[in-house]
PDB file of N, CA and C in Angstrom:
ATOM      1  N   UNK A   1     -99.040  13.825-117.961  1.00  0.00           N
ATOM      2  CA  UNK A   1     -99.052  15.263-118.201  1.00  0.00           C
ATOM      3  C   UNK A   1     -97.599  15.734-118.264  1.00  0.00           C
ATOM      4  N   UNK A   2     -97.330  16.577-119.224  1.00  0.00           N
ATOM      5  CA  UNK A   2     -95.969  17.066-119.402  1.00  0.00           C
ATOM      6  C   UNK A   2     -95.944  18.585-119.260  1.00  0.00           C
ATOM      7  N   UNK A   3     -95.187  19.060-118.268  1.00  0.00           N
ATOM      8  CA  UNK A   3     -95.049  20.496-118.036  1.00  0.00           C
ATOM      9  C   UNK A   3     -93.708  20.933-118.615  1.00  0.00           C
ATOM     10  N   UNK A   4     -93.747  21.891-119.532  1.00  0.00           N
ATOM     11  CA  UNK A   4     -92.539  22.339-120.211  1.00  0.00           C
ATOM     12  C   UNK A   4     -92.003  23.660-119.684  1.00  0.00           C
ATOM     13  N   UNK A   5     -92.862  24.463-119.055  1.00  0.00           N
ATOM     14  CA  UNK A   5     -92.436  25.769-118.557  1.00  0.00           C
ATOM     15  C   UNK A   5     -93.412  26.229-117.486  1.00  0.00           C
ATOM     16  N   UNK A   6     -93.056  27.315-116.811  1.00  0.00           N
ATOM     17  CA  UNK A   6     -93.880  27.869-115.731  1.00  0.00           C
ATOM     18  C   UNK A   6     -94.135  29.342-115.989  1.00  0.00           C
ATOM     19  N   UNK A   7     -95.285  29.803-115.559  1.00  0.00           N
ATOM     20  CA  UNK A   7     -95.634  31.224-115.667  1.00  0.00           C
ATOM     21  C   UNK A   7     -95.630  31.805-114.258  1.00  0.00           C
ATOM     22  N   UNK A   8     -94.655  32.672-114.000  1.00  0.00           N
ATOM     23  CA  UNK A   8     -94.531  33.319-112.704  1.00  0.00           C
ATOM     24  C   UNK A   8     -94.675  34.828-112.869  1.00  0.00           C
ATOM     25  N   UNK A   9     -95.288  35.466-111.893  1.00  0.00           N
ATOM     26  CA  UNK A   9     -95.310  36.917-111.794  1.00  0.00           C
ATOM     27  C   UNK A   9     -95.347  37.250-110.311  1.00  0.00           C
ATOM     28  N   UNK A  10     -95.359  38.538-109.996  1.00  0.00           N
ATOM     29  CA  UNK A  10     -95.339  38.934-108.585  1.00  0.00           C
ATOM     30  C   UNK A  10     -96.511  38.355-107.803  1.00  0.00           C
ATOM     31  N   UNK A  11     -97.660  38.228-108.461  1.00  0.00           N
ATOM     32  CA  UNK A  11     -98.856  37.751-107.774  1.00  0.00           C
ATOM     33  C   UNK A  11     -98.724  36.330-107.277  1.00  0.00           C
ATOM     34  N   UNK A  12     -98.400  35.401-108.160  1.00  0.00           N
ATOM     35  CA  UNK A  12     -98.336  34.016-107.703  1.00  0.00           C
ATOM     36  C   UNK A  12     -97.052  33.729-106.920  1.00  0.00           C
ATOM     37  N   UNK A  13     -95.947  34.406-107.238  1.00  0.00           N
ATOM     38  CA  UNK A  13     -94.723  34.224-106.449  1.00  0.00           C
ATOM     39  C   UNK A  13     -94.936  34.656-105.001  1.00  0.00           C
ATOM     40  N   UNK A  14     -95.503  35.844-104.821  1.00  0.00           N
ATOM     41  CA  UNK A  14     -95.729  36.352-103.467  1.00  0.00           C
ATOM     42  C   UNK A  14     -96.746  35.515-102.703  1.00  0.00           C
ATOM     43  N   UNK A  15     -97.799  35.080-103.381  1.00  0.00           N
ATOM     44  CA  UNK A  15     -98.816  34.270-102.710  1.00  0.00           C
ATOM     45  C   UNK A  15     -98.201  32.984-102.161  1.00  0.00           C
ATOM     46  N   UNK A  16     -97.421  32.296-102.981  1.00  0.00           N
ATOM     47  CA  UNK A  16     -96.801  31.054-102.518  1.00  0.00           C
ATOM     48  C   UNK A  16     -95.767  31.315-101.427  1.00  0.00           C
ATOM     49  N   UNK A  17     -94.924  32.332-101.612  1.00  0.00           N
ATOM     50  CA  UNK A  17     -93.845  32.598-100.661  1.00  0.00           C
ATOM     51  C   UNK A  17     -94.366  33.131 -99.328  1.00  0.00           C
ATOM     52  N   UNK A  18     -95.182  34.173 -99.389  1.00  0.00           N
ATOM     53  CA  UNK A  18     -95.646  34.801 -98.152  1.00  0.00           C
ATOM     54  C   UNK A  18     -96.798  34.040 -97.508  1.00  0.00           C
ATOM     55  N   UNK A  19     -97.681  33.507 -98.329  1.00  0.00           N
ATOM     56  CA  UNK A  19     -98.842  32.815 -97.785  1.00  0.00           C
ATOM     57  C   UNK A  19     -98.570  31.391 -97.353  1.00  0.00           C
ATOM     58  N   UNK A  20     -97.598  30.734 -98.013  1.00  0.00           N
ATOM     59  CA  UNK A  20     -97.406  29.304 -97.758  1.00  0.00           C
ATOM     60  C   UNK A  20     -95.952  28.900 -97.558  1.00  0.00           C
ATOM     61  N   UNK A  21     -95.019  29.850 -97.635  1.00  0.00           N
ATOM     62  CA  UNK A  21     -93.615  29.541 -97.407  1.00  0.00           C
ATOM     63  C   UNK A  21     -92.991  28.668 -98.481  1.00  0.00           C
ATOM     64  N   UNK A  22     -93.496  28.764 -99.712  1.00  0.00           N
ATOM     65  CA  UNK A  22     -92.986  27.955-100.824  1.00  0.00           C
ATOM     66  C   UNK A  22     -92.371  28.889-101.858  1.00  0.00           C
ATOM     67  N   UNK A  23     -91.094  28.685-102.137  1.00  0.00           N
ATOM     68  CA  UNK A  23     -90.397  29.477-103.153  1.00  0.00           C
ATOM     69  C   UNK A  23     -90.675  28.882-104.535  1.00  0.00           C
ATOM     70  N   UNK A  24     -90.612  29.696-105.596  1.00  0.00           N
ATOM     71  CA  UNK A  24     -90.848  29.181-106.944  1.00  0.00           C
ATOM     72  C   UNK A  24     -89.983  27.971-107.302  1.00  0.00           C
ATOM     73  N   UNK A  25     -88.698  28.014-106.946  1.00  0.00           N
ATOM     74  CA  UNK A  25     -87.821  26.875-107.250  1.00  0.00           C
ATOM     75  C   UNK A  25     -88.317  25.597-106.591  1.00  0.00           C
ATOM     76  N   UNK A  26     -88.786  25.730-105.357  1.00  0.00           N
ATOM     77  CA  UNK A  26     -89.286  24.570-104.620  1.00  0.00           C
ATOM     78  C   UNK A  26     -90.549  24.007-105.281  1.00  0.00           C
ATOM     79  N   UNK A  27     -91.428  24.895-105.736  1.00  0.00           N
ATOM     80  CA  UNK A  27     -92.641  24.454-106.425  1.00  0.00           C
ATOM     81  C   UNK A  27     -92.283  23.728-107.723  1.00  0.00           C
ATOM     82  N   UNK A  28     -91.326  24.261-108.473  1.00  0.00           N
ATOM     83  CA  UNK A  28     -90.922  23.639-109.732  1.00  0.00           C
ATOM     84  C   UNK A  28     -90.279  22.273-109.510  1.00  0.00           C
ATOM     85  N   UNK A  29     -89.617  22.084-108.375  1.00  0.00           N
ATOM     86  CA  UNK A  29     -88.998  20.793-108.056  1.00  0.00           C
ATOM     87  C   UNK A  29     -90.035  19.671-107.965  1.00  0.00           C
ATOM     88  N   UNK A  30     -91.244  20.006-107.532  1.00  0.00           N
ATOM     89  CA  UNK A  30     -92.311  19.002-107.471  1.00  0.00           C
ATOM     90  C   UNK A  30     -92.563  18.433-108.864  1.00  0.00           C
ATOM     91  N   UNK A  31     -92.553  19.297-109.864  1.00  0.00           N
ATOM     92  CA  UNK A  31     -92.821  18.886-111.249  1.00  0.00           C
ATOM     93  C   UNK A  31     -91.629  18.168-111.882  1.00  0.00           C
ATOM     94  N   UNK A  32     -90.417  18.431-111.379  1.00  0.00           N
ATOM     95  CA  UNK A  32     -89.209  17.849-111.964  1.00  0.00           C
ATOM     96  C   UNK A  32     -89.106  16.354-111.682  1.00  0.00           C
ATOM     97  N   UNK A  33     -89.728  15.904-110.609  1.00  0.00           N
ATOM     98  CA  UNK A  33     -89.713  14.483-110.286  1.00  0.00           C
ATOM     99  C   UNK A  33     -90.819  13.762-111.026  1.00  0.00           C
ATOM    100  N   UNK A  34     -91.469  12.870-110.339  1.00  0.00           N
ATOM    101  CA  UNK A  34     -92.616  12.157-110.915  1.00  0.00           C
ATOM    102  C   UNK A  34     -93.844  12.450-110.062  1.00  0.00           C
ATOM    103  N   UNK A  35     -94.397  13.650-110.216  1.00  0.00           N
ATOM    104  CA  UNK A  35     -95.537  14.019-109.383  1.00  0.00           C
ATOM    105  C   UNK A  35     -96.786  13.217-109.722  1.00  0.00           C
ATOM    106  N   UNK A  36     -97.687  13.213-108.782  1.00  0.00           N
ATOM    107  CA  UNK A  36     -99.020  12.649-108.984  1.00  0.00           C
ATOM    108  C   UNK A  36     -99.930  13.822-109.307  1.00  0.00           C
ATOM    109  N   UNK A  37    -100.644  13.750-110.423  1.00  0.00           N
ATOM    110  CA  UNK A  37    -101.543  14.825-110.831  1.00  0.00           C
ATOM    111  C   UNK A  37    -102.983  14.419-110.577  1.00  0.00           C
ATOM    112  N   UNK A  38    -103.774  15.409-110.166  1.00  0.00           N
ATOM    113  CA  UNK A  38    -105.204  15.193-109.967  1.00  0.00           C
ATOM    114  C   UNK A  38    -105.935  16.464-110.380  1.00  0.00           C
ATOM    115  N   UNK A  39    -107.044  16.298-111.080  1.00  0.00           N
ATOM    116  CA  UNK A  39    -107.857  17.449-111.487  1.00  0.00           C
ATOM    117  C   UNK A  39    -108.685  17.908-110.292  1.00  0.00           C
ATOM    118  N   UNK A  40    -108.809  19.228-110.107  1.00  0.00           N
ATOM    119  CA  UNK A  40    -109.583  19.762-108.990  1.00  0.00           C
ATOM    120  C   UNK A  40    -111.025  20.015-109.421  1.00  0.00           C
ATOM    121  N   UNK A  41    -111.874  20.252-108.467  1.00  0.00           N
ATOM    122  CA  UNK A  41    -113.288  20.522-108.753  1.00  0.00           C
ATOM    123  C   UNK A  41    -113.469  21.812-109.543  1.00  0.00           C
ATOM    124  N   UNK A  42    -112.536  22.731-109.421  1.00  0.00           N
ATOM    125  CA  UNK A  42    -112.637  24.014-110.130  1.00  0.00           C
ATOM    126  C   UNK A  42    -111.983  23.996-111.500  1.00  0.00           C
ATOM    127  N   UNK A  43    -111.529  22.818-111.940  1.00  0.00           N
ATOM    128  CA  UNK A  43    -110.959  22.707-113.275  1.00  0.00           C
ATOM    129  C   UNK A  43    -109.465  22.956-113.360  1.00  0.00           C
ATOM    130  N   UNK A  44    -108.825  23.165-112.227  1.00  0.00           N
ATOM    131  CA  UNK A  44    -107.374  23.289-112.215  1.00  0.00           C
ATOM    132  C   UNK A  44    -106.787  21.907-111.977  1.00  0.00           C
ATOM    133  N   UNK A  45    -105.489  21.864-111.743  1.00  0.00           N
ATOM    134  CA  UNK A  45    -104.817  20.611-111.435  1.00  0.00           C
ATOM    135  C   UNK A  45    -104.019  20.764-110.152  1.00  0.00           C
ATOM    136  N   UNK A  46    -103.799  19.650-109.475  1.00  0.00           N
ATOM    137  CA  UNK A  46    -102.946  19.618-108.289  1.00  0.00           C
ATOM    138  C   UNK A  46    -101.822  18.635-108.571  1.00  0.00           C
ATOM    139  N   UNK A  47    -100.606  19.047-108.270  1.00  0.00           N
ATOM    140  CA  UNK A  47     -99.432  18.180-108.397  1.00  0.00           C
ATOM    141  C   UNK A  47     -98.964  17.845-106.987  1.00  0.00           C
ATOM    142  N   UNK A  48     -98.857  16.560-106.682  1.00  0.00           N
ATOM    143  CA  UNK A  48     -98.401  16.080-105.387  1.00  0.00           C
ATOM    144  C   UNK A  48     -96.993  15.534-105.564  1.00  0.00           C
ATOM    145  N   UNK A  49     -96.046  15.966-104.729  1.00  0.00           N
ATOM    146  CA  UNK A  49     -94.707  15.419-104.841  1.00  0.00           C
ATOM    147  C   UNK A  49     -93.735  16.081-103.887  1.00  0.00           C
ATOM    148  N   UNK A  50     -92.519  15.537-103.847  1.00  0.00           N
ATOM    149  CA  UNK A  50     -91.497  16.092-102.954  1.00  0.00           C
ATOM    150  C   UNK A  50     -90.681  17.190-103.627  1.00  0.00           C
ATOM    151  N   UNK A  51     -90.208  18.115-102.806  1.00  0.00           N
ATOM    152  CA  UNK A  51     -89.210  19.088-103.230  1.00  0.00           C
ATOM    153  C   UNK A  51     -87.846  18.539-102.801  1.00  0.00           C
ATOM    154  N   UNK A  52     -86.778  19.099-103.321  1.00  0.00           N
ATOM    155  CA  UNK A  52     -85.436  18.626-102.958  1.00  0.00           C
ATOM    156  C   UNK A  52     -85.165  18.756-101.464  1.00  0.00           C
ATOM    157  N   UNK A  53     -85.831  19.703-100.828  1.00  0.00           N
ATOM    158  CA  UNK A  53     -85.655  19.915 -99.387  1.00  0.00           C
ATOM    159  C   UNK A  53     -86.244  18.772 -98.563  1.00  0.00           C
ATOM    160  N   UNK A  54     -87.058  17.931 -99.208  1.00  0.00           N
ATOM    161  CA  UNK A  54     -87.720  16.851 -98.494  1.00  0.00           C
ATOM    162  C   UNK A  54     -89.162  17.163 -98.146  1.00  0.00           C
ATOM    163  N   UNK A  55     -89.558  18.416 -98.325  1.00  0.00           N
ATOM    164  CA  UNK A  55     -90.961  18.777 -98.072  1.00  0.00           C
ATOM    165  C   UNK A  55     -91.855  18.077 -99.079  1.00  0.00           C
ATOM    166  N   UNK A  56     -92.978  17.572 -98.611  1.00  0.00           N
ATOM    167  CA  UNK A  56     -93.979  16.974 -99.494  1.00  0.00           C
ATOM    168  C   UNK A  56     -95.036  18.032 -99.746  1.00  0.00           C
ATOM    169  N   UNK A  57     -95.162  18.448-100.999  1.00  0.00           N
ATOM    170  CA  UNK A  57     -95.996  19.595-101.337  1.00  0.00           C
ATOM    171  C   UNK A  57     -97.139  19.230-102.269  1.00  0.00           C
ATOM    172  N   UNK A  58     -98.176  20.058-102.201  1.00  0.00           N
ATOM    173  CA  UNK A  58     -99.265  20.051-103.169  1.00  0.00           C
ATOM    174  C   UNK A  58     -99.223  21.424-103.831  1.00  0.00           C
ATOM    175  N   UNK A  59     -99.099  21.438-105.148  1.00  0.00           N
ATOM    176  CA  UNK A  59     -99.092  22.687-105.900  1.00  0.00           C
ATOM    177  C   UNK A  59    -100.300  22.683-106.828  1.00  0.00           C
ATOM    178  N   UNK A  60    -101.199  23.647-106.643  1.00  0.00           N
ATOM    179  CA  UNK A  60    -102.373  23.789-107.507  1.00  0.00           C
ATOM    180  C   UNK A  60    -101.988  24.752-108.617  1.00  0.00           C
ATOM    181  N   UNK A  61    -102.313  24.361-109.863  1.00  0.00           N
ATOM    182  CA  UNK A  61    -101.895  25.170-110.991  1.00  0.00           C
ATOM    183  C   UNK A  61    -102.938  25.136-112.099  1.00  0.00           C
ATOM    184  N   UNK A  62    -102.832  26.149-112.950  1.00  0.00           N
ATOM    185  CA  UNK A  62    -103.641  26.220-114.158  1.00  0.00           C
ATOM    186  C   UNK A  62    -102.769  25.717-115.306  1.00  0.00           C
ATOM    187  N   UNK A  63    -103.296  24.821-116.110  1.00  0.00           N
ATOM    188  CA  UNK A  63    -102.564  24.323-117.266  1.00  0.00           C
ATOM    189  C   UNK A  63    -102.907  25.202-118.461  1.00  0.00           C
ATOM    190  N   UNK A  64    -101.897  25.870-118.986  1.00  0.00           N
ATOM    191  CA  UNK A  64    -102.087  26.759-120.125  1.00  0.00           C
ATOM    192  C   UNK A  64    -101.584  26.083-121.390  1.00  0.00           C
ATOM    193  N   UNK A  65    -101.701  26.773-122.497  1.00  0.00           N
ATOM    194  CA  UNK A  65    -101.257  26.224-123.786  1.00  0.00           C
ATOM    195  C   UNK A  65     -99.771  25.877-123.770  1.00  0.00           C
ATOM    196  N   UNK A  66     -99.414  24.913-124.592  1.00  0.00           N
ATOM    197  CA  UNK A  66     -98.020  24.526-124.835  1.00  0.00           C
ATOM    198  C   UNK A  66     -97.308  24.015-123.583  1.00  0.00           C
ATOM    199  N   UNK A  67     -98.039  23.377-122.678  1.00  0.00           N
ATOM    200  CA  UNK A  67     -97.428  22.762-121.505  1.00  0.00           C
ATOM    201  C   UNK A  67     -96.939  23.730-120.451  1.00  0.00           C
ATOM    202  N   UNK A  68     -97.526  24.921-120.406  1.00  0.00           N
ATOM    203  CA  UNK A  68     -97.133  25.925-119.417  1.00  0.00           C
ATOM    204  C   UNK A  68     -98.042  25.808-118.191  1.00  0.00           C
ATOM    205  N   UNK A  69     -97.417  25.705-117.022  1.00  0.00           N
ATOM    206  CA  UNK A  69     -98.155  25.642-115.759  1.00  0.00           C
ATOM    207  C   UNK A  69     -98.052  26.986-115.045  1.00  0.00           C
ATOM    208  N   UNK A  70     -99.193  27.495-114.604  1.00  0.00           N
ATOM    209  CA  UNK A  70     -99.211  28.714-113.795  1.00  0.00           C
ATOM    210  C   UNK A  70     -99.624  28.323-112.383  1.00  0.00           C
ATOM    211  N   UNK A  71     -98.643  28.218-111.465  1.00  0.00           N
ATOM    212  CA  UNK A  71     -98.980  27.878-110.081  1.00  0.00           C
ATOM    213  C   UNK A  71     -99.911  28.923-109.481  1.00  0.00           C
ATOM    214  N   UNK A  72    -100.907  28.439-108.748  1.00  0.00           N
ATOM    215  CA  UNK A  72    -101.900  29.312-108.131  1.00  0.00           C
ATOM    216  C   UNK A  72    -101.697  29.361-106.623  1.00  0.00           C
ATOM    217  N   UNK A  73    -101.547  28.185-106.032  1.00  0.00           N
ATOM    218  CA  UNK A  73    -101.356  28.098-104.593  1.00  0.00           C
ATOM    219  C   UNK A  73    -100.663  26.780-104.279  1.00  0.00           C
ATOM    220  N   UNK A  74    -100.325  26.585-103.043  1.00  0.00           N
ATOM    221  CA  UNK A  74     -99.681  25.345-102.635  1.00  0.00           C
ATOM    222  C   UNK A  74     -99.590  25.259-101.133  1.00  0.00           C
ATOM    223  N   UNK A  75     -99.265  24.059-100.648  1.00  0.00           N
ATOM    224  CA  UNK A  75     -99.151  23.826 -99.211  1.00  0.00           C
ATOM    225  C   UNK A  75     -98.417  22.525 -98.969  1.00  0.00           C
ATOM    226  N   UNK A  76     -98.020  22.326 -97.714  1.00  0.00           N
ATOM    227  CA  UNK A  76     -97.442  21.053 -97.312  1.00  0.00           C
ATOM    228  C   UNK A  76     -98.562  20.031 -97.230  1.00  0.00           C
ATOM    229  N   UNK A  77     -98.282  18.821 -97.713  1.00  0.00           N
ATOM    230  CA  UNK A  77     -99.300  17.768 -97.698  1.00  0.00           C
ATOM    231  C   UNK A  77     -99.768  17.491 -96.267  1.00  0.00           C
ATOM    232  N   UNK A  78    -101.065  17.305 -96.142  1.00  0.00           N
ATOM    233  CA  UNK A  78    -101.635  16.841 -94.872  1.00  0.00           C
ATOM    234  C   UNK A  78    -101.359  15.341 -94.761  1.00  0.00           C
ATOM    235  N   UNK A  79    -101.656  14.780 -93.621  1.00  0.00           N
ATOM    236  CA  UNK A  79    -101.486  13.337 -93.433  1.00  0.00           C
ATOM    237  C   UNK A  79    -102.323  12.561 -94.440  1.00  0.00           C
ATOM    238  N   UNK A  80    -103.566  12.969 -94.644  1.00  0.00           N
ATOM    239  CA  UNK A  80    -104.448  12.287 -95.601  1.00  0.00           C
ATOM    240  C   UNK A  80    -103.916  12.425 -97.024  1.00  0.00           C
ATOM    241  N   UNK A  81    -103.421  13.611 -97.393  1.00  0.00           N
ATOM    242  CA  UNK A  81    -102.867  13.814 -98.730  1.00  0.00           C
ATOM    243  C   UNK A  81    -101.606  12.973 -98.931  1.00  0.00           C
ATOM    244  N   UNK A  82    -100.807  12.863 -97.873  1.00  0.00           N
ATOM    245  CA  UNK A  82     -99.604  12.037 -97.959  1.00  0.00           C
ATOM    246  C   UNK A  82     -99.968  10.568 -98.177  1.00  0.00           C
ATOM    247  N   UNK A  83    -100.972  10.082 -97.486  1.00  0.00           N
ATOM    248  CA  UNK A  83    -101.439   8.703 -97.690  1.00  0.00           C
ATOM    249  C   UNK A  83    -101.940   8.515 -99.120  1.00  0.00           C
ATOM    250  N   UNK A  84    -102.701   9.477 -99.623  1.00  0.00           N
ATOM    251  CA  UNK A  84    -103.201   9.429-101.002  1.00  0.00           C
ATOM    252  C   UNK A  84    -102.029   9.362-101.985  1.00  0.00           C
ATOM    253  N   UNK A  85    -101.050  10.224-101.790  1.00  0.00           N
ATOM    254  CA  UNK A  85     -99.867  10.268-102.648  1.00  0.00           C
ATOM    255  C   UNK A  85     -99.130   8.930-102.606  1.00  0.00           C
ATOM    256  N   UNK A  86     -98.898   8.413-101.424  1.00  0.00           N
ATOM    257  CA  UNK A  86     -98.187   7.137-101.284  1.00  0.00           C
ATOM    258  C   UNK A  86     -98.956   5.987-101.939  1.00  0.00           C
ATOM    259  N   UNK A  87    -100.260   5.958-101.766  1.00  0.00           N
ATOM    260  CA  UNK A  87    -101.034   4.842-102.291  1.00  0.00           C
ATOM    261  C   UNK A  87    -101.162   4.884-103.810  1.00  0.00           C
ATOM    262  N   UNK A  88    -101.087   6.065-104.412  1.00  0.00           N
ATOM    263  CA  UNK A  88    -101.272   6.173-105.866  1.00  0.00           C
ATOM    264  C   UNK A  88     -99.974   6.225-106.661  1.00  0.00           C
ATOM    265  N   UNK A  89     -98.882   6.596-106.035  1.00  0.00           N
ATOM    266  CA  UNK A  89     -97.649   6.683-106.816  1.00  0.00           C
ATOM    267  C   UNK A  89     -97.007   5.323-107.027  1.00  0.00           C
ATOM    268  N   UNK A  90     -97.322   4.357-106.185  1.00  0.00           N
ATOM    269  CA  UNK A  90     -96.776   3.013-106.370  1.00  0.00           C
ATOM    270  C   UNK A  90     -97.316   2.320-107.604  1.00  0.00           C
ATOM    271  N   UNK A  91     -98.528   2.704-108.019  1.00  0.00           N
ATOM    272  CA  UNK A  91     -99.153   2.072-109.174  1.00  0.00           C
ATOM    273  C   UNK A  91     -98.879   2.771-110.479  1.00  0.00           C
ATOM    274  N   UNK A  92     -97.934   3.697-110.492  1.00  0.00           N
ATOM    275  CA  UNK A  92     -97.662   4.480-111.701  1.00  0.00           C
ATOM    276  C   UNK A  92     -96.670   3.830-112.592  1.00  0.00           C
TER     277      UNK A  92
END
């Protein structure tokens, strides 16, 4: 999956920052590396990966036309999510 741009507005910026302590730059850093992508049950996608700060994050996003990602929510990986990320990124 190739993400070329991000769609940010007050709604998703505030939700990530105030609700989860994740700044837009930090969320975008997950995509800049080699994230692990997984489709969610609701038809969105989740990107698993590290931010430059060292935080291991999960960013849920909507994939729009022309490779634009609209982040919806995010959080620090749980222990189980970290194990999933570690076990699947080695085979990429």
